[in-house]
């Protein structure tokens, strides 16, 4: 047994009609009798049939009474009307999708432009600006996905940026540790965060003393982080590791109301003796070093005003001060630097590389 229905579209709401009855609003389309070959007669439904029918169907076409009292005219379905409502909906949907796509492309383009501007505007000398807030906050780790990610090489004329340079082919490895303090009040933005490396060799605890010294440098501002509106974050970098030594650099970020102040700290350890390397073991601390520092600063950093205005003796005293000076190894060479009021600055001494 099969069932065949005439379909059309409701002139009131545009929904699908079945046998002249709208399936949405219940409107019945009146169809006058047409004495053509397209019709036949049958008895109208009785009351039982009416109760079992669709509750939205409207019976009656001028015929009354019970079975056999008169003909009901059923016509062949006329040509279907175009669904203008559906066309309008599709058109509006496509327009909305197009607008959303254009807005998304615009937002992505603006975001990329802003990020490139921040990256291109970085000051190699370490002089801080609030524009570097997010880059410093995330420790530069996001730079790995930047097209300009720096990979230091021994053939580079100088060291360009503080980045991790780690290896997995040595008889010791490193693991990363995170320590943080979050306020109980969610509206309080003053937080503390640090991440730093620890040395590891399976089955040995020989690096315990080294790791404790690394940790002390990493958490040196934990007790005072509340002195700054946004707190403090410290990010550790392994700038060099080989069979003989490992250098770890810390970038301490102090988040004030409208600026991020940055300070560098560094330490190098000999793998065999587990002792920390003193600056005197890395290079000669003399006036020649001060002169080379100022000369290389002009090449690498376009000459930081603070550095260039110092006398050789003044600069040497700063490089001898462990609270201001930093020394660490990189694949390019020995990096020598200092902290000052406006940030930090380093220069590369290539022939000092071990």
C-alpha atoms as a PDB file:
ATOM      1  CA  UNK A   1       0.000   0.000   0.000  1.00  0.00           C
ATOM      2  CA  UNK A   2       1.300   3.481  -0.791  1.00  0.00           C
ATOM      3  CA  UNK A   3       0.324   6.980   0.130  1.00  0.00           C
ATOM      4  CA  UNK A   4       0.553  10.048  -2.092  1.00  0.00           C
ATOM      5  CA  UNK A   5       0.187  13.645  -0.879  1.00  0.00           C
ATOM      6  CA  UNK A   6      -0.119  16.941  -2.689  1.00  0.00           C
ATOM      7  CA  UNK A   7       2.425  19.514  -1.457  1.00  0.00           C
ATOM      8  CA  UNK A   8       2.397  23.295  -1.691  1.00  0.00           C
ATOM      9  CA  UNK A   9       3.520  26.316   0.310  1.00  0.00           C
ATOM     10  CA  UNK A  10       1.270  28.285   2.636  1.00  0.00           C
ATOM     11  CA  UNK A  11       0.406  31.813   1.392  1.00  0.00           C
ATOM     12  CA  UNK A  12       0.242  32.998   5.005  1.00  0.00           C
ATOM     13  CA  UNK A  13       3.548  31.768   6.517  1.00  0.00           C
ATOM     14  CA  UNK A  14       5.410  30.139   3.632  1.00  0.00           C
ATOM     15  CA  UNK A  15       5.566  26.746   5.349  1.00  0.00           C
ATOM     16  CA  UNK A  16       4.940  23.404   3.675  1.00  0.00           C
ATOM     17  CA  UNK A  17       1.291  22.479   2.961  1.00  0.00           C
ATOM     18  CA  UNK A  18      -0.024  18.970   2.651  1.00  0.00           C
ATOM     19  CA  UNK A  19      -3.243  18.232   0.828  1.00  0.00           C
ATOM     20  CA  UNK A  20      -4.043  21.931   0.911  1.00  0.00           C
ATOM     21  CA  UNK A  21      -3.455  22.273   4.673  1.00  0.00           C
ATOM     22  CA  UNK A  22      -0.520  24.199   6.187  1.00  0.00           C
ATOM     23  CA  UNK A  23       1.506  21.992   8.509  1.00  0.00           C
ATOM     24  CA  UNK A  24       2.666  25.062  10.480  1.00  0.00           C
ATOM     25  CA  UNK A  25      -0.230  27.472  10.944  1.00  0.00           C
ATOM     26  CA  UNK A  26      -3.094  25.111  10.006  1.00  0.00           C
ATOM     27  CA  UNK A  27      -4.475  27.235   7.208  1.00  0.00           C
ATOM     28  CA  UNK A  28      -6.548  25.316   4.632  1.00  0.00           C
ATOM     29  CA  UNK A  29      -6.332  26.550   1.087  1.00  0.00           C
ATOM     30  CA  UNK A  30      -9.824  26.572  -0.526  1.00  0.00           C
ATOM     31  CA  UNK A  31      -9.935  25.029  -3.947  1.00  0.00           C
ATOM     32  CA  UNK A  32     -13.112  25.509  -6.027  1.00  0.00           C
ATOM     33  CA  UNK A  33     -14.405  22.550  -8.058  1.00  0.00           C
ATOM     34  CA  UNK A  34     -12.993  22.233 -11.547  1.00  0.00           C
ATOM     35  CA  UNK A  35     -14.889  20.036 -13.965  1.00  0.00           C
ATOM     36  CA  UNK A  36     -11.845  18.580 -15.626  1.00  0.00           C
ATOM     37  CA  UNK A  37     -10.177  15.239 -15.921  1.00  0.00           C
ATOM     38  CA  UNK A  38      -8.076  16.209 -12.901  1.00  0.00           C
ATOM     39  CA  UNK A  39     -10.704  15.406 -10.330  1.00  0.00           C
ATOM     40  CA  UNK A  40     -12.630  12.496  -8.906  1.00  0.00           C
ATOM     41  CA  UNK A  41     -15.242  12.126  -6.190  1.00  0.00           C
ATOM     42  CA  UNK A  42     -15.284  10.436  -2.861  1.00  0.00           C
ATOM     43  CA  UNK A  43     -17.290  10.613   0.340  1.00  0.00           C
ATOM     44  CA  UNK A  44     -16.250  13.158   2.958  1.00  0.00           C
ATOM     45  CA  UNK A  45     -14.751  11.702   6.151  1.00  0.00           C
ATOM     46  CA  UNK A  46     -17.110  10.727   8.939  1.00  0.00           C
ATOM     47  CA  UNK A  47     -16.742  12.016  12.494  1.00  0.00           C
ATOM     48  CA  UNK A  48     -14.482   9.161  13.524  1.00  0.00           C
ATOM     49  CA  UNK A  49     -12.119   9.866  10.669  1.00  0.00           C
ATOM     50  CA  UNK A  50     -12.099  13.527  11.555  1.00  0.00           C
ATOM     51  CA  UNK A  51     -11.107  12.829  15.165  1.00  0.00           C
ATOM     52  CA  UNK A  52      -8.258  10.607  14.043  1.00  0.00           C
ATOM     53  CA  UNK A  53      -6.957  13.080  11.512  1.00  0.00           C
ATOM     54  CA  UNK A  54      -4.313  15.781  11.977  1.00  0.00           C
ATOM     55  CA  UNK A  55      -5.610  18.168  14.676  1.00  0.00           C
ATOM     56  CA  UNK A  56      -4.457  21.027  12.520  1.00  0.00           C
ATOM     57  CA  UNK A  57      -6.387  19.958   9.414  1.00  0.00           C
ATOM     58  CA  UNK A  58      -9.583  21.781   8.524  1.00  0.00           C
ATOM     59  CA  UNK A  59     -12.307  19.629   6.989  1.00  0.00           C
ATOM     60  CA  UNK A  60     -15.209  20.872   4.876  1.00  0.00           C
ATOM     61  CA  UNK A  61     -15.516  22.336   1.404  1.00  0.00           C
ATOM     62  CA  UNK A  62     -19.184  23.299   1.341  1.00  0.00           C
ATOM     63  CA  UNK A  63     -20.354  19.717   1.948  1.00  0.00           C
ATOM     64  CA  UNK A  64     -22.241  18.667   5.084  1.00  0.00           C
ATOM     65  CA  UNK A  65     -23.813  15.489   6.375  1.00  0.00           C
ATOM     66  CA  UNK A  66     -22.669  11.884   6.697  1.00  0.00           C
ATOM     67  CA  UNK A  67     -21.294   9.393   4.214  1.00  0.00           C
ATOM     68  CA  UNK A  68     -22.715   9.507   0.714  1.00  0.00           C
ATOM     69  CA  UNK A  69     -24.464  12.850   1.050  1.00  0.00           C
ATOM     70  CA  UNK A  70     -22.514  14.676  -1.615  1.00  0.00           C
ATOM     71  CA  UNK A  71     -19.275  14.921  -3.566  1.00  0.00           C
ATOM     72  CA  UNK A  72     -16.024  16.462  -2.351  1.00  0.00           C
ATOM     73  CA  UNK A  73     -13.841  17.701  -5.151  1.00  0.00           C
ATOM     74  CA  UNK A  74     -10.111  16.830  -4.967  1.00  0.00           C
ATOM     75  CA  UNK A  75      -7.898  18.552  -7.493  1.00  0.00           C
ATOM     76  CA  UNK A  76      -4.527  17.868  -8.966  1.00  0.00           C
ATOM     77  CA  UNK A  77      -1.907  20.024  -7.171  1.00  0.00           C
ATOM     78  CA  UNK A  78      -1.164  23.340  -8.874  1.00  0.00           C
ATOM     79  CA  UNK A  79       2.399  24.387  -9.635  1.00  0.00           C
ATOM     80  CA  UNK A  80       4.422  24.971  -6.452  1.00  0.00           C
ATOM     81  CA  UNK A  81       5.170  28.521  -5.474  1.00  0.00           C
ATOM     82  CA  UNK A  82       8.743  29.608  -4.985  1.00  0.00           C
ATOM     83  CA  UNK A  83       9.799  29.736  -1.345  1.00  0.00           C
ATOM     84  CA  UNK A  84      10.777  33.391  -1.143  1.00  0.00           C
ATOM     85  CA  UNK A  85      11.090  33.165   2.643  1.00  0.00           C
ATOM     86  CA  UNK A  86      13.704  30.416   2.386  1.00  0.00           C
ATOM     87  CA  UNK A  87      15.608  32.425  -0.231  1.00  0.00           C
ATOM     88  CA  UNK A  88      15.646  35.473   2.018  1.00  0.00           C
ATOM     89  CA  UNK A  89      16.890  33.412   4.977  1.00  0.00           C
ATOM     90  CA  UNK A  90      19.682  31.885   2.874  1.00  0.00           C
ATOM     91  CA  UNK A  91      20.676  35.303   1.562  1.00  0.00           C
ATOM     92  CA  UNK A  92      20.795  36.831   5.021  1.00  0.00           C
ATOM     93  CA  UNK A  93      22.793  33.856   6.343  1.00  0.00           C
ATOM     94  CA  UNK A  94      25.386  34.166   3.575  1.00  0.00           C
ATOM     95  CA  UNK A  95      25.687  37.901   4.231  1.00  0.00           C
ATOM     96  CA  UNK A  96      26.226  37.328   7.949  1.00  0.00           C
ATOM     97  CA  UNK A  97      28.867  34.635   7.261  1.00  0.00           C
ATOM     98  CA  UNK A  98      30.668  36.971   4.859  1.00  0.00           C
ATOM     99  CA  UNK A  99      30.672  39.827   7.383  1.00  0.00           C
ATOM    100  CA  UNK A 100      31.928  37.562  10.191  1.00  0.00           C
ATOM    101  CA  UNK A 101      34.680  36.243   7.917  1.00  0.00           C
ATOM    102  CA  UNK A 102      35.810  39.744   7.000  1.00  0.00           C
ATOM    103  CA  UNK A 103      35.813  40.861  10.638  1.00  0.00           C
ATOM    104  CA  UNK A 104      37.806  37.786  11.678  1.00  0.00           C
ATOM    105  CA  UNK A 105      40.383  38.401   8.957  1.00  0.00           C
ATOM    106  CA  UNK A 106      40.643  42.057  10.020  1.00  0.00           C
ATOM    107  CA  UNK A 107      41.136  41.143  13.695  1.00  0.00           C
ATOM    108  CA  UNK A 108      43.815  38.563  12.867  1.00  0.00           C
ATOM    109  CA  UNK A 109      45.592  41.056  10.622  1.00  0.00           C
ATOM    110  CA  UNK A 110      45.554  43.754  13.307  1.00  0.00           C
ATOM    111  CA  UNK A 111      46.776  41.311  15.956  1.00  0.00           C
ATOM    112  CA  UNK A 112      49.675  40.168  13.773  1.00  0.00           C
ATOM    113  CA  UNK A 113      50.591  43.751  12.967  1.00  0.00           C
ATOM    114  CA  UNK A 114      50.568  44.697  16.638  1.00  0.00           C
ATOM    115  CA  UNK A 115      52.703  41.717  17.573  1.00  0.00           C
ATOM    116  CA  UNK A 116      55.212  42.417  14.818  1.00  0.00           C
ATOM    117  CA  UNK A 117      55.423  46.016  15.977  1.00  0.00           C
ATOM    118  CA  UNK A 118      56.233  44.893  19.525  1.00  0.00           C
ATOM    119  CA  UNK A 119      58.845  42.391  18.333  1.00  0.00           C
ATOM    120  CA  UNK A 120      60.461  44.859  15.945  1.00  0.00           C
ATOM    121  CA  UNK A 121      60.519  47.536  18.607  1.00  0.00           C
ATOM    122  CA  UNK A 122      62.405  45.574  21.238  1.00  0.00           C
ATOM    123  CA  UNK A 123      65.384  47.401  22.680  1.00  0.00           C
ATOM    124  CA  UNK A 124      68.385  45.060  22.757  1.00  0.00           C
ATOM    125  CA  UNK A 125      69.876  47.025  25.644  1.00  0.00           C
ATOM    126  CA  UNK A 126      66.995  45.932  27.879  1.00  0.00           C
ATOM    127  CA  UNK A 127      65.551  49.405  28.415  1.00  0.00           C
ATOM    128  CA  UNK A 128      62.019  48.686  29.467  1.00  0.00           C
ATOM    129  CA  UNK A 129      58.694  49.864  28.206  1.00  0.00           C
ATOM    130  CA  UNK A 130      55.153  48.879  28.949  1.00  0.00           C
ATOM    131  CA  UNK A 131      54.820  47.647  25.356  1.00  0.00           C
ATOM    132  CA  UNK A 132      56.963  44.645  26.333  1.00  0.00           C
ATOM    133  CA  UNK A 133      54.649  43.706  29.201  1.00  0.00           C
ATOM    134  CA  UNK A 134      53.105  40.613  27.688  1.00  0.00           C
ATOM    135  CA  UNK A 135      56.291  39.350  26.098  1.00  0.00           C
ATOM    136  CA  UNK A 136      58.113  39.647  29.425  1.00  0.00           C
ATOM    137  CA  UNK A 137      55.192  38.229  31.388  1.00  0.00           C
ATOM    138  CA  UNK A 138      55.288  35.010  29.395  1.00  0.00           C
ATOM    139  CA  UNK A 139      59.045  34.876  29.475  1.00  0.00           C
ATOM    140  CA  UNK A 140      59.507  35.028  25.739  1.00  0.00           C
ATOM    141  CA  UNK A 141      58.444  31.401  25.360  1.00  0.00           C
ATOM    142  CA  UNK A 142      55.853  32.413  22.809  1.00  0.00           C
ATOM    143  CA  UNK A 143      58.708  33.672  20.611  1.00  0.00           C
ATOM    144  CA  UNK A 144      59.297  30.082  19.544  1.00  0.00           C
ATOM    145  CA  UNK A 145      56.268  30.407  17.306  1.00  0.00           C
ATOM    146  CA  UNK A 146      57.416  33.709  15.885  1.00  0.00           C
ATOM    147  CA  UNK A 147      58.985  33.778  12.436  1.00  0.00           C
ATOM    148  CA  UNK A 148      61.859  35.755  13.945  1.00  0.00           C
ATOM    149  CA  UNK A 149      62.792  33.171  16.598  1.00  0.00           C
ATOM    150  CA  UNK A 150      66.473  33.526  17.352  1.00  0.00           C
ATOM    151  CA  UNK A 151      68.734  30.468  17.390  1.00  0.00           C
ATOM    152  CA  UNK A 152      72.238  31.446  18.535  1.00  0.00           C
ATOM    153  CA  UNK A 153      75.186  30.079  16.595  1.00  0.00           C
ATOM    154  CA  UNK A 154      78.925  30.265  17.155  1.00  0.00           C
ATOM    155  CA  UNK A 155      79.296  32.034  13.808  1.00  0.00           C
ATOM    156  CA  UNK A 156      77.018  34.910  14.837  1.00  0.00           C
ATOM    157  CA  UNK A 157      78.834  38.244  15.166  1.00  0.00           C
ATOM    158  CA  UNK A 158      77.201  38.744  18.570  1.00  0.00           C
ATOM    159  CA  UNK A 159      74.479  37.361  20.844  1.00  0.00           C
ATOM    160  CA  UNK A 160      71.133  38.860  19.878  1.00  0.00           C
ATOM    161  CA  UNK A 161      68.582  37.745  22.456  1.00  0.00           C
ATOM    162  CA  UNK A 162      68.341  35.727  25.662  1.00  0.00           C
ATOM    163  CA  UNK A 163      66.866  32.360  24.719  1.00  0.00           C
ATOM    164  CA  UNK A 164      67.103  28.754  25.890  1.00  0.00           C
ATOM    165  CA  UNK A 165      69.847  26.624  24.379  1.00  0.00           C
ATOM    166  CA  UNK A 166      69.496  23.127  25.837  1.00  0.00           C
ATOM    167  CA  UNK A 167      70.788  19.699  24.895  1.00  0.00           C
ATOM    168  CA  UNK A 168      69.682  16.107  25.457  1.00  0.00           C
ATOM    169  CA  UNK A 169      72.886  14.322  24.409  1.00  0.00           C
ATOM    170  CA  UNK A 170      74.803  14.872  27.667  1.00  0.00           C
ATOM    171  CA  UNK A 171      75.182  12.567  30.674  1.00  0.00           C
ATOM    172  CA  UNK A 172      73.086  15.026  32.681  1.00  0.00           C
ATOM    173  CA  UNK A 173      69.815  16.759  31.896  1.00  0.00           C
ATOM    174  CA  UNK A 174      67.570  19.501  33.223  1.00  0.00           C
ATOM    175  CA  UNK A 175      64.039  19.678  34.524  1.00  0.00           C
ATOM    176  CA  UNK A 176      61.892  22.774  34.907  1.00  0.00           C
ATOM    177  CA  UNK A 177      60.328  23.829  38.187  1.00  0.00           C
ATOM    178  CA  UNK A 178      57.491  26.329  38.665  1.00  0.00           C
ATOM    179  CA  UNK A 179      56.655  28.177  41.868  1.00  0.00           C
ATOM    180  CA  UNK A 180      53.789  30.665  42.134  1.00  0.00           C
ATOM    181  CA  UNK A 181      51.686  32.572  44.636  1.00  0.00           C
ATOM    182  CA  UNK A 182      48.152  33.707  43.801  1.00  0.00           C
ATOM    183  CA  UNK A 183      46.057  35.997  46.032  1.00  0.00           C
ATOM    184  CA  UNK A 184      42.805  34.757  47.529  1.00  0.00           C
ATOM    185  CA  UNK A 185      40.996  37.766  46.071  1.00  0.00           C
ATOM    186  CA  UNK A 186      40.447  37.170  42.339  1.00  0.00           C
ATOM    187  CA  UNK A 187      40.385  40.911  41.718  1.00  0.00           C
ATOM    188  CA  UNK A 188      43.908  41.250  43.121  1.00  0.00           C
ATOM    189  CA  UNK A 189      46.415  41.298  40.257  1.00  0.00           C
ATOM    190  CA  UNK A 190      49.466  41.138  42.496  1.00  0.00           C
ATOM    191  CA  UNK A 191      50.931  37.680  41.897  1.00  0.00           C
ATOM    192  CA  UNK A 192      54.253  35.905  42.071  1.00  0.00           C
ATOM    193  CA  UNK A 193      55.550  33.444  39.483  1.00  0.00           C
ATOM    194  CA  UNK A 194      58.902  31.874  38.709  1.00  0.00           C
ATOM    195  CA  UNK A 195      60.206  29.053  36.569  1.00  0.00           C
ATOM    196  CA  UNK A 196      63.768  27.779  36.705  1.00  0.00           C
ATOM    197  CA  UNK A 197      65.845  24.738  35.705  1.00  0.00           C
ATOM    198  CA  UNK A 198      67.391  22.101  37.962  1.00  0.00           C
ATOM    199  CA  UNK A 199      70.139  19.683  36.961  1.00  0.00           C
ATOM    200  CA  UNK A 200      69.396  15.997  36.986  1.00  0.00           C
ATOM    201  CA  UNK A 201      71.431  12.827  36.569  1.00  0.00           C
ATOM    202  CA  UNK A 202      69.626   9.567  37.111  1.00  0.00           C
ATOM    203  CA  UNK A 203      70.630   7.768  40.276  1.00  0.00           C
ATOM    204  CA  UNK A 204      72.699  10.650  41.645  1.00  0.00           C
ATOM    205  CA  UNK A 205      72.038  13.477  44.059  1.00  0.00           C
ATOM    206  CA  UNK A 206      75.320  15.232  43.321  1.00  0.00           C
ATOM    207  CA  UNK A 207      73.617  18.361  41.940  1.00  0.00           C
ATOM    208  CA  UNK A 208      71.640  19.135  45.087  1.00  0.00           C
ATOM    209  CA  UNK A 209      73.927  21.999  46.116  1.00  0.00           C
ATOM    210  CA  UNK A 210      73.965  23.421  42.569  1.00  0.00           C
ATOM    211  CA  UNK A 211      70.188  23.228  42.315  1.00  0.00           C
ATOM    212  CA  UNK A 212      69.735  24.979  45.648  1.00  0.00           C
ATOM    213  CA  UNK A 213      71.915  27.888  44.483  1.00  0.00           C
ATOM    214  CA  UNK A 214      69.914  28.118  41.264  1.00  0.00           C
ATOM    215  CA  UNK A 215      66.670  28.158  43.207  1.00  0.00           C
ATOM    216  CA  UNK A 216      67.857  30.887  45.570  1.00  0.00           C
ATOM    217  CA  UNK A 217      68.553  33.173  42.634  1.00  0.00           C
ATOM    218  CA  UNK A 218      65.200  32.282  41.055  1.00  0.00           C
ATOM    219  CA  UNK A 219      63.138  33.099  44.160  1.00  0.00           C
ATOM    220  CA  UNK A 220      65.221  36.063  45.365  1.00  0.00           C
ATOM    221  CA  UNK A 221      62.221  38.441  45.011  1.00  0.00           C
ATOM    222  CA  UNK A 222      59.514  36.162  46.335  1.00  0.00           C
ATOM    223  CA  UNK A 223      59.451  37.816  49.755  1.00  0.00           C
ATOM    224  CA  UNK A 224      59.064  41.308  48.267  1.00  0.00           C
ATOM    225  CA  UNK A 225      56.711  40.720  45.310  1.00  0.00           C
ATOM    226  CA  UNK A 226      53.850  42.544  47.063  1.00  0.00           C
ATOM    227  CA  UNK A 227      55.839  45.770  46.871  1.00  0.00           C
ATOM    228  CA  UNK A 228      54.759  46.039  43.223  1.00  0.00           C
ATOM    229  CA  UNK A 229      51.225  46.624  41.952  1.00  0.00           C
ATOM    230  CA  UNK A 230      51.268  43.654  39.586  1.00  0.00           C
ATOM    231  CA  UNK A 231      53.711  41.508  41.509  1.00  0.00           C
ATOM    232  CA  UNK A 232      56.890  39.877  40.219  1.00  0.00           C
ATOM    233  CA  UNK A 233      57.720  37.142  37.749  1.00  0.00           C
ATOM    234  CA  UNK A 234      61.085  35.495  37.193  1.00  0.00           C
ATOM    235  CA  UNK A 235      61.945  33.409  34.150  1.00  0.00           C
ATOM    236  CA  UNK A 236      65.025  31.252  33.989  1.00  0.00           C
ATOM    237  CA  UNK A 237      66.908  30.461  30.774  1.00  0.00           C
ATOM    238  CA  UNK A 238      69.596  27.874  30.123  1.00  0.00           C
ATOM    239  CA  UNK A 239      71.761  29.884  27.723  1.00  0.00           C
ATOM    240  CA  UNK A 240      74.558  27.302  27.518  1.00  0.00           C
ATOM    241  CA  UNK A 241      75.092  23.692  28.576  1.00  0.00           C
ATOM    242  CA  UNK A 242      77.862  21.277  27.612  1.00  0.00           C
ATOM    243  CA  UNK A 243      80.126  18.682  29.253  1.00  0.00           C
ATOM    244  CA  UNK A 244      82.041  21.348  31.166  1.00  0.00           C
ATOM    245  CA  UNK A 245      79.579  24.004  32.271  1.00  0.00           C
ATOM    246  CA  UNK A 246      76.034  25.278  32.410  1.00  0.00           C
ATOM    247  CA  UNK A 247      74.935  28.922  32.419  1.00  0.00           C
ATOM    248  CA  UNK A 248      71.553  29.994  33.770  1.00  0.00           C
ATOM    249  CA  UNK A 249      70.148  33.503  33.299  1.00  0.00           C
ATOM    250  CA  UNK A 250      67.200  34.965  35.193  1.00  0.00           C
ATOM    251  CA  UNK A 251      65.000  37.762  33.949  1.00  0.00           C
ATOM    252  CA  UNK A 252      63.198  39.349  36.887  1.00  0.00           C
ATOM    253  CA  UNK A 253      60.129  41.371  35.882  1.00  0.00           C
ATOM    254  CA  UNK A 254      58.675  43.918  38.313  1.00  0.00           C
ATOM    255  CA  UNK A 255      55.151  44.934  37.273  1.00  0.00           C
ATOM    256  CA  UNK A 256      54.466  48.493  38.285  1.00  0.00           C
ATOM    257  CA  UNK A 257      51.390  50.545  37.489  1.00  0.00           C
ATOM    258  CA  UNK A 258      52.437  51.695  34.028  1.00  0.00           C
ATOM    259  CA  UNK A 259      55.803  50.056  33.344  1.00  0.00           C
ATOM    260  CA  UNK A 260      57.669  46.774  33.657  1.00  0.00           C
ATOM    261  CA  UNK A 261      61.117  47.025  35.180  1.00  0.00           C
ATOM    262  CA  UNK A 262      63.503  44.214  34.269  1.00  0.00           C
ATOM    263  CA  UNK A 263      66.646  43.054  36.000  1.00  0.00           C
ATOM    264  CA  UNK A 264      69.073  40.321  34.972  1.00  0.00           C
ATOM    265  CA  UNK A 265      70.876  37.813  37.150  1.00  0.00           C
ATOM    266  CA  UNK A 266      73.094  34.940  36.052  1.00  0.00           C
ATOM    267  CA  UNK A 267      75.181  32.056  37.318  1.00  0.00           C
ATOM    268  CA  UNK A 268      77.502  29.483  35.762  1.00  0.00           C
ATOM    269  CA  UNK A 269      78.516  26.140  37.274  1.00  0.00           C
ATOM    270  CA  UNK A 270      81.327  23.747  36.409  1.00  0.00           C
ATOM    271  CA  UNK A 271      79.870  20.279  35.918  1.00  0.00           C
ATOM    272  CA  UNK A 272      82.822  18.326  37.377  1.00  0.00           C
ATOM    273  CA  UNK A 273      83.466  20.366  40.515  1.00  0.00           C
ATOM    274  CA  UNK A 274      79.849  21.552  40.987  1.00  0.00           C
ATOM    275  CA  UNK A 275      81.300  24.958  41.887  1.00  0.00           C
ATOM    276  CA  UNK A 276      79.973  28.290  40.699  1.00  0.00           C
ATOM    277  CA  UNK A 277      82.279  30.029  38.229  1.00  0.00           C
ATOM    278  CA  UNK A 278      83.546  33.446  39.342  1.00  0.00           C
ATOM    279  CA  UNK A 279      83.703  36.320  36.807  1.00  0.00           C
ATOM    280  CA  UNK A 280      87.492  36.298  37.142  1.00  0.00           C
ATOM    281  CA  UNK A 281      87.517  32.749  35.786  1.00  0.00           C
ATOM    282  CA  UNK A 282      85.678  33.847  32.673  1.00  0.00           C
ATOM    283  CA  UNK A 283      87.642  36.955  31.718  1.00  0.00           C
ATOM    284  CA  UNK A 284      90.126  39.487  33.045  1.00  0.00           C
ATOM    285  CA  UNK A 285      88.465  42.287  34.995  1.00  0.00           C
ATOM    286  CA  UNK A 286      90.584  45.239  33.955  1.00  0.00           C
ATOM    287  CA  UNK A 287      90.391  48.532  32.058  1.00  0.00           C
ATOM    288  CA  UNK A 288      90.808  46.679  28.792  1.00  0.00           C
ATOM    289  CA  UNK A 289      87.512  44.902  29.503  1.00  0.00           C
ATOM    290  CA  UNK A 290      85.793  48.261  30.137  1.00  0.00           C
ATOM    291  CA  UNK A 291      87.089  49.671  26.856  1.00  0.00           C
ATOM    292  CA  UNK A 292      86.016  46.590  24.919  1.00  0.00           C
ATOM    293  CA  UNK A 293      82.623  46.725  26.610  1.00  0.00           C
ATOM    294  CA  UNK A 294      81.970  50.286  25.448  1.00  0.00           C
ATOM    295  CA  UNK A 295      83.245  49.559  21.941  1.00  0.00           C
ATOM    296  CA  UNK A 296      81.091  46.437  21.539  1.00  0.00           C
ATOM    297  CA  UNK A 297      78.086  48.269  23.008  1.00  0.00           C
ATOM    298  CA  UNK A 298      78.204  50.665  20.059  1.00  0.00           C
ATOM    299  CA  UNK A 299      78.124  47.721  17.636  1.00  0.00           C
ATOM    300  CA  UNK A 300      75.437  45.654  19.332  1.00  0.00           C
ATOM    301  CA  UNK A 301      73.241  48.264  20.968  1.00  0.00           C
ATOM    302  CA  UNK A 302      73.913  51.462  19.032  1.00  0.00           C
ATOM    303  CA  UNK A 303      75.643  52.767  22.131  1.00  0.00           C
ATOM    304  CA  UNK A 304      73.567  52.922  25.309  1.00  0.00           C
ATOM    305  CA  UNK A 305      73.878  56.450  26.680  1.00  0.00           C
ATOM    306  CA  UNK A 306      74.428  55.297  30.249  1.00  0.00           C
ATOM    307  CA  UNK A 307      77.320  53.034  29.213  1.00  0.00           C
ATOM    308  CA  UNK A 308      78.941  55.531  26.889  1.00  0.00           C
ATOM    309  CA  UNK A 309      78.895  58.300  29.499  1.00  0.00           C
ATOM    310  CA  UNK A 310      80.854  56.248  32.047  1.00  0.00           C
ATOM    311  CA  UNK A 311      84.587  56.532  32.407  1.00  0.00           C
ATOM    312  CA  UNK A 312      86.641  53.353  32.061  1.00  0.00           C
ATOM    313  CA  UNK A 313      87.240  53.251  35.815  1.00  0.00           C
ATOM    314  CA  UNK A 314      83.540  53.739  36.624  1.00  0.00           C
ATOM    315  CA  UNK A 315      82.498  51.002  34.233  1.00  0.00           C
ATOM    316  CA  UNK A 316      85.111  48.620  35.604  1.00  0.00           C
ATOM    317  CA  UNK A 317      83.856  49.138  39.161  1.00  0.00           C
ATOM    318  CA  UNK A 318      80.334  48.268  38.030  1.00  0.00           C
ATOM    319  CA  UNK A 319      81.553  45.118  36.256  1.00  0.00           C
ATOM    320  CA  UNK A 320      83.270  44.062  39.465  1.00  0.00           C
ATOM    321  CA  UNK A 321      80.100  44.535  41.523  1.00  0.00           C
ATOM    322  CA  UNK A 322      78.213  41.198  41.772  1.00  0.00           C
ATOM    323  CA  UNK A 323      74.957  43.084  42.462  1.00  0.00           C
ATOM    324  CA  UNK A 324      75.133  44.937  39.161  1.00  0.00           C
ATOM    325  CA  UNK A 325      77.190  42.810  36.754  1.00  0.00           C
ATOM    326  CA  UNK A 326      76.195  39.619  34.934  1.00  0.00           C
ATOM    327  CA  UNK A 327      78.440  37.065  33.203  1.00  0.00           C
ATOM    328  CA  UNK A 328      77.184  34.012  31.324  1.00  0.00           C
ATOM    329  CA  UNK A 329      78.109  31.790  28.406  1.00  0.00           C
ATOM    330  CA  UNK A 330      76.214  31.335  25.150  1.00  0.00           C
ATOM    331  CA  UNK A 331      76.993  29.424  21.937  1.00  0.00           C
ATOM    332  CA  UNK A 332      78.204  32.741  20.487  1.00  0.00           C
ATOM    333  CA  UNK A 333      80.663  33.615  23.250  1.00  0.00           C
ATOM    334  CA  UNK A 334      80.901  35.104  26.717  1.00  0.00           C
ATOM    335  CA  UNK A 335      78.162  37.602  27.474  1.00  0.00           C
ATOM    336  CA  UNK A 336      79.051  40.404  29.895  1.00  0.00           C
ATOM    337  CA  UNK A 337      76.441  42.833  31.126  1.00  0.00           C
ATOM    338  CA  UNK A 338      75.188  45.130  33.818  1.00  0.00           C
ATOM    339  CA  UNK A 339      71.975  46.381  35.378  1.00  0.00           C
ATOM    340  CA  UNK A 340      71.259  50.084  35.641  1.00  0.00           C
ATOM    341  CA  UNK A 341      68.352  52.386  36.405  1.00  0.00           C
ATOM    342  CA  UNK A 342      66.697  52.059  33.012  1.00  0.00           C
ATOM    343  CA  UNK A 343      67.159  48.312  32.565  1.00  0.00           C
ATOM    344  CA  UNK A 344      70.105  46.152  31.545  1.00  0.00           C
ATOM    345  CA  UNK A 345      72.682  45.851  28.768  1.00  0.00           C
ATOM    346  CA  UNK A 346      75.051  43.084  27.648  1.00  0.00           C
ATOM    347  CA  UNK A 347      77.826  42.706  25.051  1.00  0.00           C
ATOM    348  CA  UNK A 348      79.431  39.653  23.461  1.00  0.00           C
ATOM    349  CA  UNK A 349      83.117  38.795  23.827  1.00  0.00           C
ATOM    350  CA  UNK A 350      83.515  36.098  21.194  1.00  0.00           C
ATOM    351  CA  UNK A 351      87.117  35.130  21.835  1.00  0.00           C
ATOM    352  CA  UNK A 352      86.177  34.412  25.456  1.00  0.00           C
ATOM    353  CA  UNK A 353      84.040  31.430  24.449  1.00  0.00           C
ATOM    354  CA  UNK A 354      85.214  28.127  25.961  1.00  0.00           C
END
